Amino acid sequence: MKLLLDTQMLLWAMIWPELLPEKAAWLINDPDNILYFSPASLWEVSIKNARNKPAFQVDARMLRNRLLDCGYEELIITGLHTVATGDLPQLHKDPFDRLLLAQSKIDDIKMLTCDDKIAEYPVPMLFIPR
């Protein structure tokens, strides 16, 4: 199964695995699954890191390298993805999440999330509550 992890799931998987819900950890560790990340997640991490908050110090370059080293595939963002964000219902305003949702829908990759707002969208989805 192809899985696109949302930003929170990526951070938990790579940095704070103890926070991953058990079912999400099982899916991520299943060698039959193909794991994807979006540059939109790295963009979000870069912006948050630039705010220099002590509670959030994550280097997006190092995160990307680690994801690639762990076998994740980078899902390229295209114009088709960005245009498709406008086709999504206005349930959630976060531009990073909306881009991930559009990628999930366009590329038919299940989004792995624990965010109940994201789970409301009509895209391929695996919602795993915390």
N, C-alpha and C. Protein backbone atom coordinates (compact mmCIF):
# COMPACT_ATOMS: atom_id res chain seq x y z
N MET A 1 0.85 -1.17 0.00
CA MET A 1 0.00 0.00 0.00
C MET A 1 0.90 1.24 0.00
N LYS A 2 0.48 2.24 -0.75
CA LYS A 2 1.21 3.51 -0.81
C LYS A 2 0.64 4.45 0.25
N LEU A 3 1.54 5.03 1.07
CA LEU A 3 1.12 5.91 2.15
C LEU A 3 1.88 7.23 2.09
N LEU A 4 1.14 8.33 2.13
CA LEU A 4 1.70 9.67 2.24
C LEU A 4 1.50 10.12 3.68
N LEU A 5 2.58 10.29 4.40
CA LEU A 5 2.47 10.69 5.80
C LEU A 5 2.31 12.21 5.90
N ASP A 6 1.36 12.63 6.73
CA ASP A 6 1.25 14.07 6.96
C ASP A 6 2.44 14.52 7.81
N THR A 7 2.60 15.81 7.96
CA THR A 7 3.78 16.35 8.62
C THR A 7 3.93 15.83 10.05
N GLN A 8 2.84 15.78 10.77
CA GLN A 8 2.91 15.31 12.16
C GLN A 8 3.37 13.86 12.23
N MET A 9 2.81 13.01 11.36
CA MET A 9 3.22 11.60 11.34
C MET A 9 4.69 11.47 10.96
N LEU A 10 5.15 12.30 10.01
CA LEU A 10 6.57 12.26 9.63
C LEU A 10 7.48 12.59 10.81
N LEU A 11 7.12 13.65 11.52
CA LEU A 11 7.92 14.06 12.67
C LEU A 11 7.93 12.99 13.75
N TRP A 12 6.79 12.41 14.01
CA TRP A 12 6.74 11.35 15.01
C TRP A 12 7.58 10.15 14.56
N ALA A 13 7.43 9.76 13.29
CA ALA A 13 8.15 8.59 12.79
C ALA A 13 9.66 8.78 12.84
N MET A 14 10.12 9.97 12.51
CA MET A 14 11.55 10.22 12.40
C MET A 14 12.20 10.74 13.68
N ILE A 15 11.46 11.50 14.49
CA ILE A 15 12.08 12.18 15.63
C ILE A 15 11.51 11.72 16.97
N TRP A 16 10.21 11.55 17.04
CA TRP A 16 9.56 11.18 18.30
C TRP A 16 8.71 9.92 18.09
N PRO A 17 9.33 8.77 17.79
CA PRO A 17 8.55 7.56 17.49
C PRO A 17 7.68 7.08 18.65
N GLU A 18 8.04 7.47 19.87
CA GLU A 18 7.22 7.07 21.01
C GLU A 18 5.83 7.71 20.98
N LEU A 19 5.65 8.76 20.17
CA LEU A 19 4.35 9.43 20.06
C LEU A 19 3.46 8.82 18.98
N LEU A 20 4.02 7.96 18.15
CA LEU A 20 3.22 7.34 17.08
C LEU A 20 2.17 6.41 17.66
N PRO A 21 0.93 6.52 17.20
CA PRO A 21 -0.05 5.50 17.58
C PRO A 21 0.45 4.12 17.11
N GLU A 22 0.13 3.11 17.86
CA GLU A 22 0.64 1.76 17.58
C GLU A 22 0.32 1.30 16.16
N LYS A 23 -0.91 1.53 15.72
CA LYS A 23 -1.30 1.09 14.37
C LYS A 23 -0.50 1.84 13.30
N ALA A 24 -0.22 3.13 13.51
CA ALA A 24 0.57 3.90 12.56
C ALA A 24 1.99 3.35 12.50
N ALA A 25 2.56 3.03 13.65
CA ALA A 25 3.92 2.47 13.69
C ALA A 25 3.95 1.15 12.93
N TRP A 26 2.94 0.34 13.10
CA TRP A 26 2.87 -0.94 12.41
C TRP A 26 2.83 -0.72 10.89
N LEU A 27 2.01 0.23 10.43
CA LEU A 27 1.91 0.52 8.99
C LEU A 27 3.23 1.06 8.43
N ILE A 28 3.86 1.94 9.17
CA ILE A 28 5.11 2.54 8.73
C ILE A 28 6.23 1.49 8.67
N ASN A 29 6.22 0.56 9.58
CA ASN A 29 7.26 -0.46 9.63
C ASN A 29 6.98 -1.67 8.75
N ASP A 30 5.81 -1.74 8.15
CA ASP A 30 5.47 -2.86 7.27
C ASP A 30 6.25 -2.72 5.96
N PRO A 31 7.14 -3.66 5.67
CA PRO A 31 7.98 -3.53 4.46
C PRO A 31 7.19 -3.60 3.16
N ASP A 32 5.94 -4.04 3.22
CA ASP A 32 5.11 -4.09 2.01
C ASP A 32 4.54 -2.72 1.63
N ASN A 33 4.61 -1.76 2.55
CA ASN A 33 4.08 -0.43 2.28
C ASN A 33 5.17 0.46 1.69
N ILE A 34 4.76 1.32 0.76
CA ILE A 34 5.66 2.31 0.17
C ILE A 34 5.34 3.64 0.85
N LEU A 35 6.35 4.22 1.48
CA LEU A 35 6.15 5.44 2.25
C LEU A 35 6.60 6.66 1.46
N TYR A 36 5.76 7.70 1.47
CA TYR A 36 6.04 8.94 0.76
C TYR A 36 6.04 10.10 1.73
N PHE A 37 6.82 11.12 1.38
CA PHE A 37 6.73 12.41 2.07
C PHE A 37 6.65 13.48 1.01
N SER A 38 6.08 14.61 1.41
CA SER A 38 5.92 15.73 0.50
C SER A 38 6.90 16.85 0.86
N PRO A 39 7.46 17.52 -0.16
CA PRO A 39 8.26 18.71 0.13
C PRO A 39 7.46 19.76 0.91
N ALA A 40 6.13 19.72 0.81
CA ALA A 40 5.30 20.65 1.58
C ALA A 40 5.52 20.47 3.08
N SER A 41 5.76 19.23 3.51
CA SER A 41 6.04 18.99 4.93
C SER A 41 7.38 19.59 5.32
N LEU A 42 8.36 19.48 4.44
CA LEU A 42 9.68 20.08 4.73
C LEU A 42 9.58 21.60 4.77
N TRP A 43 8.76 22.15 3.90
CA TRP A 43 8.53 23.60 3.88
C TRP A 43 7.91 24.04 5.21
N GLU A 44 6.91 23.30 5.65
CA GLU A 44 6.26 23.61 6.93
C GLU A 44 7.25 23.54 8.08
N VAL A 45 8.06 22.49 8.11
CA VAL A 45 9.06 22.33 9.16
C VAL A 45 10.08 23.47 9.11
N SER A 46 10.51 23.86 7.92
CA SER A 46 11.47 24.96 7.77
C SER A 46 10.92 26.26 8.34
N ILE A 47 9.67 26.54 8.05
CA ILE A 47 9.05 27.77 8.54
C ILE A 47 8.93 27.74 10.06
N LYS A 48 8.48 26.61 10.60
CA LYS A 48 8.34 26.51 12.06
C LYS A 48 9.70 26.59 12.75
N ASN A 49 10.69 25.96 12.17
CA ASN A 49 12.03 25.99 12.76
C ASN A 49 12.62 27.40 12.76
N ALA A 50 12.33 28.17 11.72
CA ALA A 50 12.85 29.53 11.61
C ALA A 50 12.32 30.45 12.70
N ARG A 51 11.25 30.07 13.35
CA ARG A 51 10.68 30.88 14.44
C ARG A 51 11.50 30.76 15.71
N ASN A 52 12.48 29.83 15.73
CA ASN A 52 13.39 29.64 16.86
C ASN A 52 12.70 29.39 18.19
N LYS A 53 11.62 28.64 18.17
CA LYS A 53 10.96 28.27 19.42
C LYS A 53 11.70 27.07 20.01
N PRO A 54 12.05 27.13 21.28
CA PRO A 54 12.80 26.03 21.90
C PRO A 54 12.09 24.68 21.79
N ALA A 55 10.77 24.67 21.78
CA ALA A 55 10.01 23.42 21.73
C ALA A 55 10.02 22.79 20.33
N PHE A 56 10.46 23.55 19.34
CA PHE A 56 10.47 23.00 17.98
C PHE A 56 11.78 23.37 17.30
N GLN A 57 12.73 22.49 17.37
CA GLN A 57 14.02 22.67 16.71
C GLN A 57 14.26 21.46 15.82
N VAL A 58 13.78 21.53 14.59
CA VAL A 58 13.92 20.43 13.64
C VAL A 58 14.54 20.99 12.37
N ASP A 59 15.67 20.46 11.98
CA ASP A 59 16.35 20.87 10.77
C ASP A 59 15.74 20.13 9.58
N ALA A 60 15.10 20.87 8.69
CA ALA A 60 14.41 20.25 7.55
C ALA A 60 15.36 19.51 6.62
N ARG A 61 16.57 20.01 6.46
CA ARG A 61 17.56 19.31 5.60
C ARG A 61 17.91 17.95 6.18
N MET A 62 18.16 17.93 7.48
CA MET A 62 18.48 16.67 8.13
C MET A 62 17.29 15.72 8.11
N LEU A 63 16.08 16.27 8.29
CA LEU A 63 14.88 15.44 8.23
C LEU A 63 14.74 14.81 6.85
N ARG A 64 14.94 15.60 5.80
CA ARG A 64 14.84 15.06 4.43
C ARG A 64 15.86 13.95 4.21
N ASN A 65 17.10 14.20 4.62
CA ASN A 65 18.14 13.19 4.45
C ASN A 65 17.78 11.90 5.19
N ARG A 66 17.26 12.05 6.38
CA ARG A 66 16.89 10.87 7.17
C ARG A 66 15.74 10.11 6.53
N LEU A 67 14.75 10.85 6.03
CA LEU A 67 13.63 10.20 5.34
C LEU A 67 14.12 9.40 4.14
N LEU A 68 14.99 10.00 3.34
CA LEU A 68 15.53 9.30 2.17
C LEU A 68 16.37 8.10 2.59
N ASP A 69 17.17 8.26 3.63
CA ASP A 69 17.98 7.14 4.14
C ASP A 69 17.12 5.99 4.64
N CYS A 70 15.93 6.32 5.15
CA CYS A 70 15.02 5.29 5.67
C CYS A 70 14.11 4.70 4.59
N GLY A 71 14.32 5.11 3.34
CA GLY A 71 13.58 4.51 2.24
C GLY A 71 12.30 5.21 1.84
N TYR A 72 12.02 6.36 2.42
CA TYR A 72 10.83 7.11 2.01
C TYR A 72 11.08 7.69 0.62
N GLU A 73 10.01 7.82 -0.14
CA GLU A 73 10.11 8.41 -1.47
C GLU A 73 9.55 9.83 -1.41
N GLU A 74 10.27 10.74 -2.07
CA GLU A 74 9.83 12.13 -2.11
C GLU A 74 8.80 12.29 -3.21
N LEU A 75 7.63 12.80 -2.86
CA LEU A 75 6.54 13.00 -3.81
C LEU A 75 6.65 14.42 -4.36
N ILE A 76 7.05 14.53 -5.60
CA ILE A 76 7.26 15.83 -6.22
C ILE A 76 5.94 16.61 -6.31
N ILE A 77 6.03 17.91 -6.05
CA ILE A 77 4.86 18.79 -6.17
C ILE A 77 4.81 19.33 -7.60
N THR A 78 3.65 19.21 -8.22
CA THR A 78 3.46 19.72 -9.58
C THR A 78 2.40 20.82 -9.58
N GLY A 79 2.30 21.47 -10.71
CA GLY A 79 1.24 22.47 -10.88
C GLY A 79 -0.14 21.86 -10.73
N LEU A 80 -0.29 20.62 -11.17
CA LEU A 80 -1.57 19.93 -11.03
C LEU A 80 -1.96 19.80 -9.56
N HIS A 81 -0.99 19.53 -8.70
CA HIS A 81 -1.27 19.44 -7.26
C HIS A 81 -1.71 20.79 -6.70
N THR A 82 -0.98 21.84 -7.08
CA THR A 82 -1.31 23.15 -6.51
C THR A 82 -2.68 23.63 -6.97
N VAL A 83 -3.02 23.39 -8.23
CA VAL A 83 -4.33 23.79 -8.74
C VAL A 83 -5.43 22.98 -8.04
N ALA A 84 -5.16 21.71 -7.76
CA ALA A 84 -6.17 20.85 -7.14
C ALA A 84 -6.51 21.25 -5.71
N THR A 85 -5.65 22.05 -5.06
CA THR A 85 -5.99 22.52 -3.72
C THR A 85 -7.27 23.34 -3.74
N GLY A 86 -7.52 24.03 -4.85
CA GLY A 86 -8.73 24.83 -4.97
C GLY A 86 -9.99 24.00 -5.16
N ASP A 87 -9.84 22.75 -5.53
CA ASP A 87 -10.99 21.86 -5.71
C ASP A 87 -11.43 21.20 -4.41
N LEU A 88 -10.61 21.31 -3.38
CA LEU A 88 -10.94 20.69 -2.10
C LEU A 88 -11.98 21.52 -1.36
N PRO A 89 -12.86 20.88 -0.60
CA PRO A 89 -13.81 21.64 0.21
C PRO A 89 -13.06 22.51 1.23
N GLN A 90 -13.67 23.59 1.62
CA GLN A 90 -13.03 24.53 2.56
C GLN A 90 -13.27 24.09 4.01
N LEU A 91 -12.79 22.90 4.34
CA LEU A 91 -12.94 22.37 5.69
C LEU A 91 -11.78 22.77 6.59
N HIS A 92 -10.66 23.08 5.97
CA HIS A 92 -9.41 23.27 6.70
C HIS A 92 -8.60 24.31 5.93
N LYS A 93 -8.07 25.29 6.60
CA LYS A 93 -7.39 26.40 5.91
C LYS A 93 -5.87 26.21 5.79
N ASP A 94 -5.29 25.24 6.48
CA ASP A 94 -3.84 25.07 6.48
C ASP A 94 -3.34 24.76 5.08
N PRO A 95 -2.52 25.65 4.49
CA PRO A 95 -2.08 25.44 3.10
C PRO A 95 -1.18 24.23 2.93
N PHE A 96 -0.41 23.88 3.93
CA PHE A 96 0.46 22.70 3.84
C PHE A 96 -0.39 21.43 3.78
N ASP A 97 -1.36 21.34 4.68
CA ASP A 97 -2.24 20.17 4.69
C ASP A 97 -3.05 20.08 3.40
N ARG A 98 -3.51 21.21 2.91
CA ARG A 98 -4.30 21.20 1.67
C ARG A 98 -3.46 20.70 0.49
N LEU A 99 -2.19 21.05 0.46
CA LEU A 99 -1.33 20.57 -0.61
C LEU A 99 -1.11 19.06 -0.47
N LEU A 100 -0.89 18.58 0.74
CA LEU A 100 -0.75 17.14 0.97
C LEU A 100 -2.03 16.40 0.55
N LEU A 101 -3.16 16.96 0.89
CA LEU A 101 -4.44 16.34 0.51
C LEU A 101 -4.60 16.27 -1.01
N ALA A 102 -4.22 17.35 -1.69
CA ALA A 102 -4.31 17.35 -3.16
C ALA A 102 -3.37 16.31 -3.75
N GLN A 103 -2.17 16.19 -3.20
CA GLN A 103 -1.24 15.17 -3.69
C GLN A 103 -1.81 13.77 -3.48
N SER A 104 -2.39 13.55 -2.33
CA SER A 104 -2.99 12.26 -2.03
C SER A 104 -4.08 11.92 -3.04
N LYS A 105 -4.92 12.91 -3.31
CA LYS A 105 -6.03 12.69 -4.23
C LYS A 105 -5.55 12.48 -5.66
N ILE A 106 -4.70 13.36 -6.16
CA ILE A 106 -4.23 13.30 -7.55
C ILE A 106 -3.43 12.02 -7.81
N ASP A 107 -2.57 11.67 -6.86
CA ASP A 107 -1.68 10.52 -7.05
C ASP A 107 -2.24 9.21 -6.49
N ASP A 108 -3.45 9.28 -5.93
CA ASP A 108 -4.12 8.10 -5.37
C ASP A 108 -3.22 7.36 -4.37
N ILE A 109 -2.73 8.13 -3.41
CA ILE A 109 -1.90 7.60 -2.34
C ILE A 109 -2.64 7.88 -1.03
N LYS A 110 -2.77 6.86 -0.20
CA LYS A 110 -3.49 7.05 1.06
C LYS A 110 -2.72 7.97 2.00
N MET A 111 -3.43 8.97 2.50
CA MET A 111 -2.85 9.89 3.47
C MET A 111 -2.94 9.24 4.84
N LEU A 112 -1.82 9.19 5.55
CA LEU A 112 -1.78 8.65 6.91
C LEU A 112 -1.76 9.83 7.87
N THR A 113 -2.80 9.94 8.69
CA THR A 113 -2.94 11.08 9.58
C THR A 113 -3.66 10.69 10.86
N CYS A 114 -3.44 11.49 11.89
CA CYS A 114 -4.24 11.38 13.11
C CYS A 114 -5.02 12.67 13.34
N ASP A 115 -4.98 13.55 12.35
CA ASP A 115 -5.65 14.85 12.43
C ASP A 115 -7.11 14.69 11.98
N ASP A 116 -8.03 14.91 12.90
CA ASP A 116 -9.44 14.71 12.58
C ASP A 116 -9.97 15.71 11.56
N LYS A 117 -9.34 16.89 11.44
CA LYS A 117 -9.74 17.85 10.41
C LYS A 117 -9.37 17.33 9.02
N ILE A 118 -8.17 16.80 8.90
CA ILE A 118 -7.74 16.24 7.62
C ILE A 118 -8.60 15.05 7.23
N ALA A 119 -8.98 14.26 8.22
CA ALA A 119 -9.75 13.04 7.96
C ALA A 119 -11.12 13.31 7.37
N GLU A 120 -11.61 14.53 7.42
CA GLU A 120 -12.92 14.86 6.86
C GLU A 120 -12.92 14.98 5.33
N TYR A 121 -11.75 15.03 4.72
CA TYR A 121 -11.66 15.24 3.28
C TYR A 121 -11.90 13.97 2.49
N PRO A 122 -12.50 14.12 1.30
CA PRO A 122 -12.78 12.97 0.44
C PRO A 122 -11.57 12.60 -0.42
N VAL A 123 -10.53 12.14 0.24
CA VAL A 123 -9.32 11.68 -0.45
C VAL A 123 -8.97 10.31 0.13
N PRO A 124 -8.13 9.54 -0.55
CA PRO A 124 -7.70 8.27 0.03
C PRO A 124 -7.07 8.53 1.40
N MET A 125 -7.54 7.84 2.42
CA MET A 125 -7.18 8.22 3.79
C MET A 125 -7.10 7.02 4.70
N LEU A 126 -6.12 7.07 5.60
CA LEU A 126 -6.06 6.18 6.75
C LEU A 126 -5.98 7.08 7.97
N PHE A 127 -7.08 7.19 8.67
CA PHE A 127 -7.15 8.03 9.87
C PHE A 127 -6.92 7.13 11.09
N ILE A 128 -5.89 7.47 11.84
CA ILE A 128 -5.58 6.71 13.05
C ILE A 128 -5.57 7.69 14.20
N PRO A 129 -6.62 7.67 15.02
CA PRO A 129 -6.67 8.62 16.13
C PRO A 129 -5.56 8.35 17.15
N ARG A 130 -5.17 9.41 17.83
CA ARG A 130 -4.12 9.29 18.87
C ARG A 130 -4.59 8.48 20.02
